[in-house]
N, C-alpha and C. Protein backbone atom coordinates (compact mmCIF):
# COMPACT_ATOMS: atom_id res chain seq x y z
N MET A 1 34.47 138.68 5.50
CA MET A 1 34.98 139.77 4.69
C MET A 1 33.90 140.16 3.67
N ALA A 2 33.67 141.48 3.54
CA ALA A 2 32.64 141.95 2.63
C ALA A 2 32.96 141.54 1.20
N GLY A 3 31.94 141.15 0.49
CA GLY A 3 32.11 140.81 -0.92
C GLY A 3 32.48 139.36 -1.17
N MET A 4 32.83 138.63 -0.10
CA MET A 4 33.20 137.24 -0.28
C MET A 4 31.95 136.37 -0.31
N THR A 5 31.95 135.38 -1.16
CA THR A 5 30.83 134.45 -1.25
C THR A 5 31.33 133.04 -0.97
N SER A 6 30.41 132.18 -0.59
CA SER A 6 30.78 130.79 -0.29
C SER A 6 31.03 130.03 -1.58
N PRO A 7 31.98 129.10 -1.58
CA PRO A 7 32.15 128.23 -2.74
C PRO A 7 30.91 127.36 -2.91
N VAL A 8 30.66 126.95 -4.14
CA VAL A 8 29.45 126.21 -4.47
C VAL A 8 29.82 124.86 -5.07
N LEU A 9 29.06 123.83 -4.68
CA LEU A 9 29.21 122.50 -5.26
C LEU A 9 27.84 122.02 -5.71
N ASP A 10 27.73 121.60 -6.96
CA ASP A 10 26.49 121.06 -7.47
C ASP A 10 26.46 119.54 -7.24
N PHE A 11 25.40 119.08 -6.63
CA PHE A 11 25.21 117.66 -6.30
C PHE A 11 24.16 117.09 -7.24
N TRP A 12 24.64 116.26 -8.19
CA TRP A 12 23.78 115.66 -9.21
C TRP A 12 23.42 114.24 -8.81
N PHE A 13 22.13 113.92 -8.82
CA PHE A 13 21.70 112.60 -8.38
C PHE A 13 20.42 112.19 -9.07
N ASP A 14 20.24 110.87 -9.13
CA ASP A 14 18.98 110.26 -9.57
C ASP A 14 18.48 109.46 -8.37
N PHE A 15 17.20 109.57 -8.07
CA PHE A 15 16.66 108.86 -6.91
C PHE A 15 16.78 107.35 -7.03
N ALA A 16 16.97 106.84 -8.24
CA ALA A 16 17.15 105.40 -8.42
C ALA A 16 18.59 104.97 -8.19
N SER A 17 19.49 105.92 -8.00
CA SER A 17 20.91 105.64 -7.86
C SER A 17 21.24 105.18 -6.45
N THR A 18 21.83 104.00 -6.35
CA THR A 18 22.12 103.41 -5.04
C THR A 18 23.09 104.25 -4.22
N TYR A 19 24.21 104.62 -4.81
CA TYR A 19 25.22 105.34 -4.04
C TYR A 19 24.85 106.81 -3.81
N SER A 20 23.81 107.28 -4.49
CA SER A 20 23.32 108.63 -4.20
C SER A 20 22.67 108.69 -2.83
N TYR A 21 22.21 107.54 -2.33
CA TYR A 21 21.59 107.50 -1.01
C TYR A 21 22.56 107.94 0.09
N PRO A 22 23.70 107.28 0.27
CA PRO A 22 24.60 107.75 1.32
C PRO A 22 25.14 109.15 1.05
N ALA A 23 25.33 109.50 -0.23
CA ALA A 23 25.81 110.83 -0.54
C ALA A 23 24.82 111.89 -0.09
N ALA A 24 23.54 111.66 -0.35
CA ALA A 24 22.51 112.62 0.03
C ALA A 24 22.42 112.77 1.55
N MET A 25 22.65 111.68 2.25
CA MET A 25 22.53 111.73 3.71
C MET A 25 23.78 112.33 4.36
N ARG A 26 24.91 112.34 3.66
CA ARG A 26 26.16 112.86 4.23
C ARG A 26 26.46 114.30 3.86
N ILE A 27 25.98 114.72 2.70
CA ILE A 27 26.51 115.94 2.11
C ILE A 27 26.20 117.20 2.91
N GLY A 28 25.06 117.26 3.58
CA GLY A 28 24.70 118.47 4.30
C GLY A 28 25.69 118.84 5.39
N ALA A 29 25.96 117.90 6.29
CA ALA A 29 26.86 118.17 7.40
C ALA A 29 28.29 118.39 6.93
N LEU A 30 28.72 117.61 5.94
CA LEU A 30 30.08 117.76 5.42
C LEU A 30 30.27 119.11 4.75
N ALA A 31 29.28 119.53 3.97
CA ALA A 31 29.37 120.82 3.28
C ALA A 31 29.36 121.97 4.27
N GLU A 32 28.54 121.86 5.30
CA GLU A 32 28.50 122.91 6.32
C GLU A 32 29.85 123.03 7.01
N GLY A 33 30.44 121.89 7.33
CA GLY A 33 31.74 121.91 7.98
C GLY A 33 32.83 122.48 7.10
N ALA A 34 32.69 122.29 5.78
CA ALA A 34 33.70 122.79 4.84
C ALA A 34 33.43 124.23 4.41
N GLY A 35 32.28 124.77 4.78
CA GLY A 35 31.93 126.13 4.36
C GLY A 35 31.59 126.21 2.88
N VAL A 36 31.00 125.14 2.35
CA VAL A 36 30.64 125.07 0.93
C VAL A 36 29.12 125.02 0.82
N ARG A 37 28.59 125.79 -0.11
CA ARG A 37 27.14 125.78 -0.37
C ARG A 37 26.84 124.73 -1.43
N VAL A 38 25.90 123.86 -1.13
CA VAL A 38 25.54 122.76 -2.04
C VAL A 38 24.22 123.08 -2.74
N ARG A 39 24.18 122.81 -4.03
CA ARG A 39 22.94 122.93 -4.79
C ARG A 39 22.52 121.54 -5.23
N PHE A 40 21.35 121.11 -4.80
CA PHE A 40 20.82 119.80 -5.19
C PHE A 40 20.34 119.87 -6.64
N ARG A 41 20.77 118.89 -7.46
CA ARG A 41 20.45 118.87 -8.88
C ARG A 41 19.87 117.49 -9.27
N PRO A 42 18.60 117.26 -9.02
CA PRO A 42 18.02 115.98 -9.47
C PRO A 42 17.96 115.92 -10.99
N PHE A 43 18.26 114.74 -11.54
CA PHE A 43 18.18 114.54 -12.99
C PHE A 43 17.85 113.08 -13.23
N LEU A 44 17.71 112.71 -14.50
CA LEU A 44 17.35 111.34 -14.85
C LEU A 44 18.51 110.64 -15.54
N LEU A 45 18.89 109.50 -15.00
CA LEU A 45 19.97 108.72 -15.60
C LEU A 45 19.53 107.96 -16.84
N GLY A 46 18.23 107.68 -16.95
CA GLY A 46 17.73 106.87 -18.05
C GLY A 46 18.20 107.33 -19.42
N PRO A 47 18.01 108.61 -19.78
CA PRO A 47 18.46 109.08 -21.09
C PRO A 47 19.97 108.96 -21.28
N ILE A 48 20.72 109.13 -20.20
CA ILE A 48 22.18 109.02 -20.29
C ILE A 48 22.58 107.57 -20.51
N PHE A 49 21.95 106.65 -19.80
CA PHE A 49 22.23 105.24 -20.02
C PHE A 49 21.83 104.82 -21.43
N LYS A 50 20.69 105.33 -21.90
CA LYS A 50 20.22 104.99 -23.24
C LYS A 50 21.23 105.41 -24.29
N ALA A 51 21.83 106.59 -24.09
CA ALA A 51 22.83 107.08 -25.04
C ALA A 51 24.06 106.18 -25.08
N GLN A 52 24.28 105.43 -23.98
CA GLN A 52 25.41 104.50 -23.92
C GLN A 52 25.00 103.10 -24.38
N GLY A 53 23.75 102.96 -24.81
CA GLY A 53 23.28 101.66 -25.29
C GLY A 53 22.77 100.75 -24.20
N TRP A 54 22.53 101.29 -23.00
CA TRP A 54 22.04 100.49 -21.89
C TRP A 54 20.54 100.65 -21.74
N THR A 55 19.84 99.57 -21.48
CA THR A 55 18.39 99.61 -21.29
C THR A 55 17.99 99.58 -19.82
N THR A 56 18.95 99.39 -18.94
CA THR A 56 18.70 99.37 -17.51
C THR A 56 19.99 99.72 -16.78
N SER A 57 19.97 99.62 -15.46
CA SER A 57 21.17 99.92 -14.67
C SER A 57 22.30 98.96 -15.03
N PRO A 58 23.54 99.47 -15.07
CA PRO A 58 24.68 98.56 -15.30
C PRO A 58 24.81 97.51 -14.21
N PHE A 59 24.24 97.77 -13.02
CA PHE A 59 24.27 96.78 -11.95
C PHE A 59 23.36 95.59 -12.26
N ASN A 60 22.41 95.79 -13.17
CA ASN A 60 21.58 94.68 -13.64
C ASN A 60 22.22 94.01 -14.86
N LEU A 61 22.84 94.83 -15.69
CA LEU A 61 23.46 94.30 -16.91
C LEU A 61 24.66 93.43 -16.61
N PHE A 62 25.36 93.74 -15.53
CA PHE A 62 26.57 92.99 -15.15
C PHE A 62 26.36 92.41 -13.75
N PRO A 63 25.83 91.20 -13.66
CA PRO A 63 25.42 90.62 -12.39
C PRO A 63 26.52 90.59 -11.31
N ALA A 64 27.75 90.31 -11.69
CA ALA A 64 28.82 90.27 -10.69
C ALA A 64 29.01 91.66 -10.07
N LYS A 65 28.95 92.67 -10.92
CA LYS A 65 29.08 94.05 -10.43
C LYS A 65 27.91 94.39 -9.52
N GLY A 66 26.72 93.93 -9.89
CA GLY A 66 25.54 94.19 -9.08
C GLY A 66 25.62 93.53 -7.72
N ARG A 67 26.05 92.30 -7.67
CA ARG A 67 26.17 91.60 -6.38
C ARG A 67 27.14 92.33 -5.47
N HIS A 68 28.26 92.75 -6.05
CA HIS A 68 29.25 93.48 -5.24
C HIS A 68 28.66 94.79 -4.74
N MET A 69 27.96 95.51 -5.61
CA MET A 69 27.39 96.81 -5.23
C MET A 69 26.46 96.68 -4.04
N TRP A 70 25.54 95.69 -4.08
CA TRP A 70 24.58 95.56 -2.98
C TRP A 70 25.27 95.24 -1.67
N ARG A 71 26.27 94.39 -1.69
CA ARG A 71 27.00 94.09 -0.45
C ARG A 71 27.82 95.29 0.00
N ASP A 72 28.41 95.99 -0.95
CA ASP A 72 29.19 97.17 -0.62
C ASP A 72 28.30 98.24 0.01
N LEU A 73 27.12 98.44 -0.57
CA LEU A 73 26.20 99.44 -0.04
C LEU A 73 25.73 99.05 1.36
N GLU A 74 25.51 97.75 1.55
CA GLU A 74 25.10 97.28 2.88
C GLU A 74 26.17 97.58 3.92
N ARG A 75 27.42 97.31 3.58
CA ARG A 75 28.53 97.60 4.50
C ARG A 75 28.65 99.10 4.75
N LEU A 76 28.54 99.86 3.67
CA LEU A 76 28.69 101.31 3.76
C LEU A 76 27.62 101.91 4.68
N CYS A 77 26.38 101.49 4.48
CA CYS A 77 25.30 102.01 5.30
C CYS A 77 25.46 101.61 6.77
N ALA A 78 25.92 100.39 6.99
CA ALA A 78 26.15 99.96 8.37
C ALA A 78 27.20 100.84 9.04
N GLY A 79 28.26 101.16 8.30
CA GLY A 79 29.30 102.00 8.85
C GLY A 79 28.84 103.42 9.14
N LEU A 80 27.88 103.89 8.35
CA LEU A 80 27.34 105.24 8.54
C LEU A 80 26.12 105.25 9.46
N GLU A 81 25.74 104.08 9.93
CA GLU A 81 24.55 103.92 10.77
C GLU A 81 23.30 104.41 10.06
N LEU A 82 23.23 104.08 8.76
CA LEU A 82 22.06 104.38 7.96
C LEU A 82 21.25 103.10 7.79
N PRO A 83 19.92 103.18 7.88
CA PRO A 83 19.13 101.98 7.62
C PRO A 83 19.28 101.57 6.16
N PHE A 84 19.23 100.27 5.91
CA PHE A 84 19.34 99.79 4.53
C PHE A 84 18.40 98.63 4.31
N ARG A 85 17.68 98.71 3.21
CA ARG A 85 16.84 97.60 2.76
C ARG A 85 16.81 97.65 1.24
N ARG A 86 17.19 96.57 0.63
CA ARG A 86 17.25 96.54 -0.84
C ARG A 86 15.86 96.71 -1.44
N PRO A 87 15.68 97.69 -2.31
CA PRO A 87 14.36 97.90 -2.90
C PRO A 87 14.08 96.91 -4.03
N GLU A 88 12.83 96.55 -4.14
CA GLU A 88 12.38 95.69 -5.24
C GLU A 88 11.17 96.33 -5.88
N PRO A 89 11.12 96.47 -7.20
CA PRO A 89 12.19 96.12 -8.14
C PRO A 89 13.29 97.19 -8.13
N PHE A 90 14.35 96.89 -8.83
CA PHE A 90 15.44 97.85 -9.00
C PHE A 90 15.86 97.86 -10.46
N PRO A 91 16.01 99.05 -11.07
CA PRO A 91 15.68 100.36 -10.50
C PRO A 91 14.20 100.68 -10.63
N GLN A 92 13.77 101.69 -9.89
CA GLN A 92 12.41 102.18 -9.97
C GLN A 92 12.39 103.53 -10.68
N SER A 93 11.30 103.84 -11.32
CA SER A 93 11.18 105.14 -11.98
C SER A 93 11.28 106.27 -10.96
N SER A 94 12.14 107.21 -11.24
CA SER A 94 12.33 108.34 -10.33
C SER A 94 11.73 109.63 -10.88
N LEU A 95 10.94 109.51 -11.94
CA LEU A 95 10.41 110.68 -12.62
C LEU A 95 9.58 111.57 -11.71
N THR A 96 8.58 111.00 -11.06
CA THR A 96 7.71 111.81 -10.20
C THR A 96 8.47 112.41 -9.04
N ALA A 97 9.32 111.62 -8.41
CA ALA A 97 10.10 112.12 -7.27
C ALA A 97 11.00 113.28 -7.69
N ALA A 98 11.61 113.18 -8.88
CA ALA A 98 12.49 114.24 -9.35
C ALA A 98 11.70 115.52 -9.62
N ARG A 99 10.51 115.38 -10.18
CA ARG A 99 9.68 116.56 -10.45
C ARG A 99 9.24 117.22 -9.14
N VAL A 100 8.84 116.40 -8.17
CA VAL A 100 8.45 116.96 -6.88
C VAL A 100 9.64 117.65 -6.22
N ALA A 101 10.82 117.05 -6.34
CA ALA A 101 12.02 117.65 -5.76
C ALA A 101 12.28 119.04 -6.32
N LEU A 102 12.12 119.20 -7.63
CA LEU A 102 12.33 120.52 -8.22
C LEU A 102 11.36 121.53 -7.64
N THR A 103 10.11 121.13 -7.46
CA THR A 103 9.13 122.02 -6.84
C THR A 103 9.55 122.37 -5.42
N GLY A 104 9.95 121.35 -4.67
CA GLY A 104 10.36 121.58 -3.29
C GLY A 104 11.59 122.45 -3.14
N LEU A 105 12.53 122.30 -4.06
CA LEU A 105 13.74 123.12 -4.00
C LEU A 105 13.43 124.58 -4.24
N ASP A 106 12.32 124.86 -4.91
CA ASP A 106 11.88 126.25 -5.10
C ASP A 106 11.23 126.83 -3.85
N HIS A 107 10.78 125.94 -2.95
CA HIS A 107 9.98 126.40 -1.83
C HIS A 107 10.57 126.06 -0.46
N GLY A 108 11.84 125.65 -0.44
CA GLY A 108 12.52 125.50 0.84
C GLY A 108 12.44 124.15 1.50
N TRP A 109 11.67 123.21 0.93
CA TRP A 109 11.58 121.89 1.55
C TRP A 109 12.17 120.79 0.66
N GLY A 110 12.79 121.17 -0.43
CA GLY A 110 13.29 120.20 -1.38
C GLY A 110 14.37 119.27 -0.85
N GLU A 111 15.33 119.80 -0.10
CA GLU A 111 16.42 118.95 0.39
C GLU A 111 15.90 117.93 1.39
N ASP A 112 14.99 118.36 2.26
CA ASP A 112 14.39 117.40 3.21
C ASP A 112 13.62 116.33 2.45
N PHE A 113 12.92 116.73 1.42
CA PHE A 113 12.17 115.76 0.61
C PHE A 113 13.12 114.77 -0.04
N CYS A 114 14.21 115.24 -0.60
CA CYS A 114 15.17 114.36 -1.27
C CYS A 114 15.71 113.31 -0.30
N ARG A 115 16.10 113.74 0.87
CA ARG A 115 16.63 112.78 1.85
C ARG A 115 15.56 111.78 2.27
N ALA A 116 14.32 112.27 2.41
CA ALA A 116 13.23 111.38 2.81
C ALA A 116 12.93 110.34 1.74
N VAL A 117 13.01 110.73 0.47
CA VAL A 117 12.79 109.78 -0.62
C VAL A 117 13.86 108.70 -0.61
N PHE A 118 15.12 109.12 -0.48
CA PHE A 118 16.20 108.13 -0.45
C PHE A 118 16.05 107.17 0.73
N GLN A 119 15.67 107.70 1.89
CA GLN A 119 15.52 106.83 3.04
C GLN A 119 14.35 105.88 2.86
N ALA A 120 13.26 106.37 2.27
CA ALA A 120 12.11 105.50 2.02
C ALA A 120 12.48 104.37 1.08
N GLU A 121 13.24 104.69 0.04
CA GLU A 121 13.59 103.69 -0.97
C GLU A 121 14.64 102.71 -0.50
N PHE A 122 15.77 103.24 -0.02
CA PHE A 122 16.90 102.38 0.31
C PHE A 122 17.01 102.06 1.80
N GLY A 123 16.32 102.83 2.63
CA GLY A 123 16.31 102.53 4.06
C GLY A 123 15.15 101.66 4.47
N GLU A 124 14.01 101.79 3.73
CA GLU A 124 12.80 101.07 4.10
C GLU A 124 12.29 100.15 2.99
N GLY A 125 12.90 100.22 1.81
CA GLY A 125 12.50 99.35 0.71
C GLY A 125 11.15 99.70 0.11
N ARG A 126 10.74 100.95 0.20
CA ARG A 126 9.43 101.36 -0.31
C ARG A 126 9.51 101.69 -1.80
N ARG A 127 8.34 101.71 -2.46
CA ARG A 127 8.25 101.95 -3.90
C ARG A 127 8.11 103.44 -4.16
N ILE A 128 9.19 104.07 -4.62
CA ILE A 128 9.11 105.51 -4.90
C ILE A 128 8.48 105.79 -6.26
N ASP A 129 8.20 104.74 -7.03
CA ASP A 129 7.49 104.94 -8.29
C ASP A 129 5.98 104.90 -8.06
N ASP A 130 5.56 104.81 -6.82
CA ASP A 130 4.16 104.80 -6.42
C ASP A 130 3.82 106.19 -5.87
N THR A 131 2.84 106.86 -6.46
CA THR A 131 2.49 108.21 -6.00
C THR A 131 2.00 108.21 -4.56
N ASP A 132 1.44 107.08 -4.10
CA ASP A 132 1.01 107.02 -2.70
C ASP A 132 2.21 107.15 -1.75
N THR A 133 3.34 106.55 -2.13
CA THR A 133 4.55 106.69 -1.31
C THR A 133 5.02 108.13 -1.28
N ILE A 134 5.03 108.78 -2.43
CA ILE A 134 5.45 110.17 -2.50
C ILE A 134 4.51 111.04 -1.68
N ALA A 135 3.21 110.77 -1.77
CA ALA A 135 2.23 111.53 -0.98
C ALA A 135 2.47 111.33 0.51
N ASP A 136 2.77 110.11 0.91
CA ASP A 136 3.04 109.83 2.33
C ASP A 136 4.27 110.61 2.80
N ILE A 137 5.31 110.63 1.97
CA ILE A 137 6.53 111.35 2.33
C ILE A 137 6.23 112.83 2.50
N LEU A 138 5.47 113.40 1.58
CA LEU A 138 5.10 114.81 1.68
C LEU A 138 4.31 115.08 2.95
N SER A 139 3.37 114.22 3.26
CA SER A 139 2.57 114.40 4.47
C SER A 139 3.44 114.34 5.72
N GLU A 140 4.40 113.42 5.72
CA GLU A 140 5.31 113.31 6.87
C GLU A 140 6.14 114.57 7.05
N LEU A 141 6.38 115.29 5.96
CA LEU A 141 7.12 116.56 6.01
C LEU A 141 6.19 117.74 6.22
N GLN A 142 4.92 117.45 6.43
CA GLN A 142 3.89 118.48 6.63
C GLN A 142 3.75 119.37 5.40
N ILE A 143 3.85 118.75 4.22
CA ILE A 143 3.62 119.41 2.95
C ILE A 143 2.34 118.85 2.35
N GLU A 144 1.45 119.72 1.88
CA GLU A 144 0.22 119.26 1.27
C GLU A 144 0.55 118.45 0.00
N PRO A 145 0.19 117.17 -0.05
CA PRO A 145 0.56 116.35 -1.21
C PRO A 145 -0.09 116.77 -2.52
N GLU A 146 -1.37 117.14 -2.48
CA GLU A 146 -2.10 117.39 -3.71
C GLU A 146 -1.47 118.49 -4.58
N PRO A 147 -1.18 119.68 -4.03
CA PRO A 147 -0.57 120.71 -4.87
C PRO A 147 0.81 120.32 -5.38
N ALA A 148 1.59 119.65 -4.53
CA ALA A 148 2.95 119.25 -4.94
C ALA A 148 2.90 118.24 -6.07
N LEU A 149 1.99 117.27 -5.97
CA LEU A 149 1.87 116.27 -7.03
C LEU A 149 1.26 116.86 -8.29
N ALA A 150 0.35 117.80 -8.13
CA ALA A 150 -0.25 118.45 -9.30
C ALA A 150 0.79 119.23 -10.08
N ALA A 151 1.76 119.80 -9.36
CA ALA A 151 2.80 120.59 -10.02
C ALA A 151 3.68 119.73 -10.92
N THR A 152 3.74 118.42 -10.64
CA THR A 152 4.58 117.55 -11.46
C THR A 152 4.05 117.42 -12.88
N GLN A 153 2.79 117.79 -13.09
CA GLN A 153 2.19 117.69 -14.43
C GLN A 153 2.26 119.01 -15.19
N SER A 154 2.85 120.02 -14.58
CA SER A 154 2.95 121.31 -15.25
C SER A 154 4.04 121.28 -16.32
N ASP A 155 3.82 122.02 -17.39
CA ASP A 155 4.82 122.09 -18.45
C ASP A 155 6.13 122.67 -17.93
N GLU A 156 6.04 123.59 -16.99
CA GLU A 156 7.24 124.23 -16.45
C GLU A 156 8.16 123.21 -15.78
N ILE A 157 7.58 122.38 -14.90
CA ILE A 157 8.40 121.41 -14.18
C ILE A 157 8.92 120.34 -15.12
N LYS A 158 8.09 119.88 -16.05
CA LYS A 158 8.53 118.88 -17.02
C LYS A 158 9.71 119.41 -17.84
N THR A 159 9.59 120.66 -18.28
CA THR A 159 10.64 121.27 -19.09
C THR A 159 11.92 121.43 -18.29
N ARG A 160 11.79 121.83 -17.03
CA ARG A 160 12.97 122.05 -16.19
C ARG A 160 13.73 120.76 -15.93
N LEU A 161 12.99 119.67 -15.72
CA LEU A 161 13.68 118.39 -15.48
C LEU A 161 14.38 117.92 -16.74
N ARG A 162 13.73 118.09 -17.88
CA ARG A 162 14.40 117.73 -19.14
C ARG A 162 15.66 118.56 -19.34
N ALA A 163 15.55 119.86 -19.04
CA ALA A 163 16.70 120.76 -19.21
C ALA A 163 17.83 120.39 -18.26
N GLN A 164 17.47 120.01 -17.02
CA GLN A 164 18.49 119.62 -16.05
C GLN A 164 19.20 118.34 -16.48
N THR A 165 18.44 117.41 -17.04
CA THR A 165 19.05 116.17 -17.53
C THR A 165 19.95 116.45 -18.73
N THR A 166 19.51 117.34 -19.62
CA THR A 166 20.34 117.73 -20.76
C THR A 166 21.62 118.40 -20.29
N ARG A 167 21.50 119.24 -19.26
CA ARG A 167 22.69 119.92 -18.72
C ARG A 167 23.66 118.91 -18.13
N ALA A 168 23.13 117.89 -17.47
CA ALA A 168 23.99 116.85 -16.92
C ALA A 168 24.79 116.17 -18.04
N GLU A 169 24.11 115.88 -19.14
CA GLU A 169 24.79 115.29 -20.29
C GLU A 169 25.87 116.21 -20.84
N GLU A 170 25.55 117.50 -20.92
CA GLU A 170 26.52 118.48 -21.44
C GLU A 170 27.76 118.56 -20.56
N LEU A 171 27.58 118.36 -19.27
CA LEU A 171 28.70 118.42 -18.34
C LEU A 171 29.53 117.13 -18.33
N GLY A 172 29.05 116.13 -19.07
CA GLY A 172 29.79 114.88 -19.16
C GLY A 172 29.45 113.87 -18.09
N LEU A 173 28.34 114.07 -17.38
CA LEU A 173 27.95 113.11 -16.37
C LEU A 173 27.57 111.78 -17.02
N PHE A 174 27.99 110.69 -16.39
CA PHE A 174 27.70 109.36 -16.90
C PHE A 174 27.13 108.46 -15.80
N GLY A 175 27.01 108.99 -14.61
CA GLY A 175 26.49 108.21 -13.49
C GLY A 175 26.18 109.13 -12.32
N ALA A 176 25.69 108.54 -11.24
CA ALA A 176 25.34 109.32 -10.06
C ALA A 176 25.71 108.52 -8.81
N PRO A 177 26.07 109.24 -7.74
CA PRO A 177 26.07 110.70 -7.65
C PRO A 177 27.29 111.29 -8.34
N SER A 178 27.12 112.51 -8.81
CA SER A 178 28.22 113.27 -9.38
C SER A 178 28.23 114.66 -8.75
N PHE A 179 29.38 115.27 -8.76
CA PHE A 179 29.54 116.60 -8.17
C PHE A 179 30.33 117.46 -9.15
N THR A 180 29.86 118.67 -9.39
CA THR A 180 30.58 119.58 -10.28
C THR A 180 30.88 120.89 -9.56
N THR A 181 32.03 121.45 -9.86
CA THR A 181 32.47 122.68 -9.22
C THR A 181 32.38 123.85 -10.20
N ALA A 182 32.53 125.05 -9.67
CA ALA A 182 32.37 126.25 -10.48
C ALA A 182 33.37 126.32 -11.62
N ASP A 183 34.54 125.67 -11.45
CA ASP A 183 35.56 125.71 -12.49
C ASP A 183 35.45 124.53 -13.45
N GLY A 184 34.35 123.76 -13.33
CA GLY A 184 34.09 122.71 -14.31
C GLY A 184 34.63 121.34 -13.98
N GLU A 185 35.16 121.13 -12.78
CA GLU A 185 35.65 119.81 -12.41
C GLU A 185 34.47 118.88 -12.11
N LEU A 186 34.61 117.63 -12.50
CA LEU A 186 33.58 116.61 -12.28
C LEU A 186 34.14 115.52 -11.38
N PHE A 187 33.39 115.21 -10.32
CA PHE A 187 33.74 114.13 -9.41
C PHE A 187 32.57 113.15 -9.39
N TRP A 188 32.89 111.87 -9.51
CA TRP A 188 31.84 110.85 -9.61
C TRP A 188 31.95 109.87 -8.45
N GLY A 189 30.83 109.67 -7.78
CA GLY A 189 30.76 108.65 -6.74
C GLY A 189 30.69 109.21 -5.34
N ASN A 190 29.97 108.49 -4.48
CA ASN A 190 29.87 108.88 -3.08
C ASN A 190 31.25 108.99 -2.43
N ASP A 191 32.18 108.15 -2.84
CA ASP A 191 33.51 108.16 -2.24
C ASP A 191 34.37 109.33 -2.70
N ARG A 192 33.85 110.16 -3.60
CA ARG A 192 34.57 111.36 -4.04
C ARG A 192 33.97 112.64 -3.47
N LEU A 193 33.01 112.49 -2.57
CA LEU A 193 32.34 113.68 -2.02
C LEU A 193 33.30 114.59 -1.27
N GLU A 194 34.10 114.01 -0.39
CA GLU A 194 35.04 114.84 0.38
C GLU A 194 36.03 115.54 -0.53
N GLN A 195 36.51 114.84 -1.55
CA GLN A 195 37.46 115.44 -2.48
C GLN A 195 36.80 116.58 -3.25
N ALA A 196 35.54 116.40 -3.64
CA ALA A 196 34.82 117.44 -4.37
C ALA A 196 34.65 118.69 -3.52
N LEU A 197 34.31 118.50 -2.25
CA LEU A 197 34.14 119.65 -1.35
C LEU A 197 35.47 120.38 -1.16
N LYS A 198 36.53 119.63 -1.00
CA LYS A 198 37.85 120.24 -0.82
C LYS A 198 38.25 121.02 -2.06
N TRP A 199 37.98 120.45 -3.25
CA TRP A 199 38.33 121.13 -4.49
C TRP A 199 37.54 122.43 -4.63
N ALA A 200 36.24 122.36 -4.35
CA ALA A 200 35.40 123.56 -4.46
C ALA A 200 35.91 124.66 -3.55
N LYS A 201 36.28 124.30 -2.34
CA LYS A 201 36.76 125.30 -1.38
C LYS A 201 38.12 125.85 -1.78
N THR A 202 39.02 124.97 -2.21
CA THR A 202 40.36 125.40 -2.61
C THR A 202 40.30 126.30 -3.83
N GLN A 203 39.47 125.92 -4.82
CA GLN A 203 39.35 126.70 -6.03
C GLN A 203 38.81 128.09 -5.73
N MET A 204 37.86 128.18 -4.81
CA MET A 204 37.30 129.47 -4.44
C MET A 204 38.37 130.35 -3.81
N GLY A 205 39.20 129.75 -2.97
CA GLY A 205 40.29 130.51 -2.35
C GLY A 205 41.28 131.02 -3.38
N GLN A 206 41.59 130.21 -4.38
CA GLN A 206 42.51 130.64 -5.43
C GLN A 206 41.92 131.78 -6.25
N ASP A 207 40.61 131.70 -6.52
CA ASP A 207 39.94 132.76 -7.28
C ASP A 207 39.98 134.08 -6.52
N GLN A 208 39.80 134.01 -5.18
CA GLN A 208 39.81 135.23 -4.39
C GLN A 208 41.21 135.85 -4.34
N VAL A 209 42.24 134.99 -4.24
CA VAL A 209 43.61 135.51 -4.26
C VAL A 209 43.90 136.17 -5.60
N GLY A 210 43.47 135.52 -6.69
CA GLY A 210 43.67 136.08 -8.02
C GLY A 210 42.98 137.42 -8.17
N ALA A 211 41.79 137.53 -7.63
CA ALA A 211 41.03 138.78 -7.74
C ALA A 211 41.75 139.92 -7.00
N ARG A 212 42.33 139.59 -5.82
CA ARG A 212 43.05 140.64 -5.08
C ARG A 212 44.31 141.08 -5.82
N VAL A 213 44.97 140.11 -6.46
CA VAL A 213 46.18 140.46 -7.23
C VAL A 213 45.85 141.38 -8.39
N LEU A 214 44.74 141.06 -9.10
CA LEU A 214 44.32 141.89 -10.22
C LEU A 214 43.90 143.26 -9.75
């Protein structure tokens, strides 16, 4: 129908986030099936954790929770037929990867890059805080590494990532993955992805009905 647009879901993630891995690998096909357009929103959890008084991941701060998470993630990945290898150390700095992702999202290869980073980190146990790993990922995607990595040092990209992290805080995000809808609903966790997609689609339908009534 002319004038109709697809519902939108914002996918907020940090590359160091364990459960963001399965979410990133699932969201494309699920969103396509639901008729929802997804916007990838890389951000940094570090400043948000710091505001809560945490100096590292809560999975490190609370060992019992951490042990459960790693086993849960292992089971989850097995069920999804995703490769899994626990990265060491954990967490790793995601700063460079997030900056490269922003560049890639501007040029059409960002989503593929994001999935490749997650698979390298949690599927292969590679160090994403190593620029050589990021360069290898870019090369595997047939992207010239040098310009992409050089862009991470630009004031524009640095400012955009800070702004995206600030926006995440303003929206009330406290962890990743998180999903936000056009009407301001927040869903947290890989296990809330389907619910978030359904909400985004339902809300869009309600908005269109309201518009016709008006």
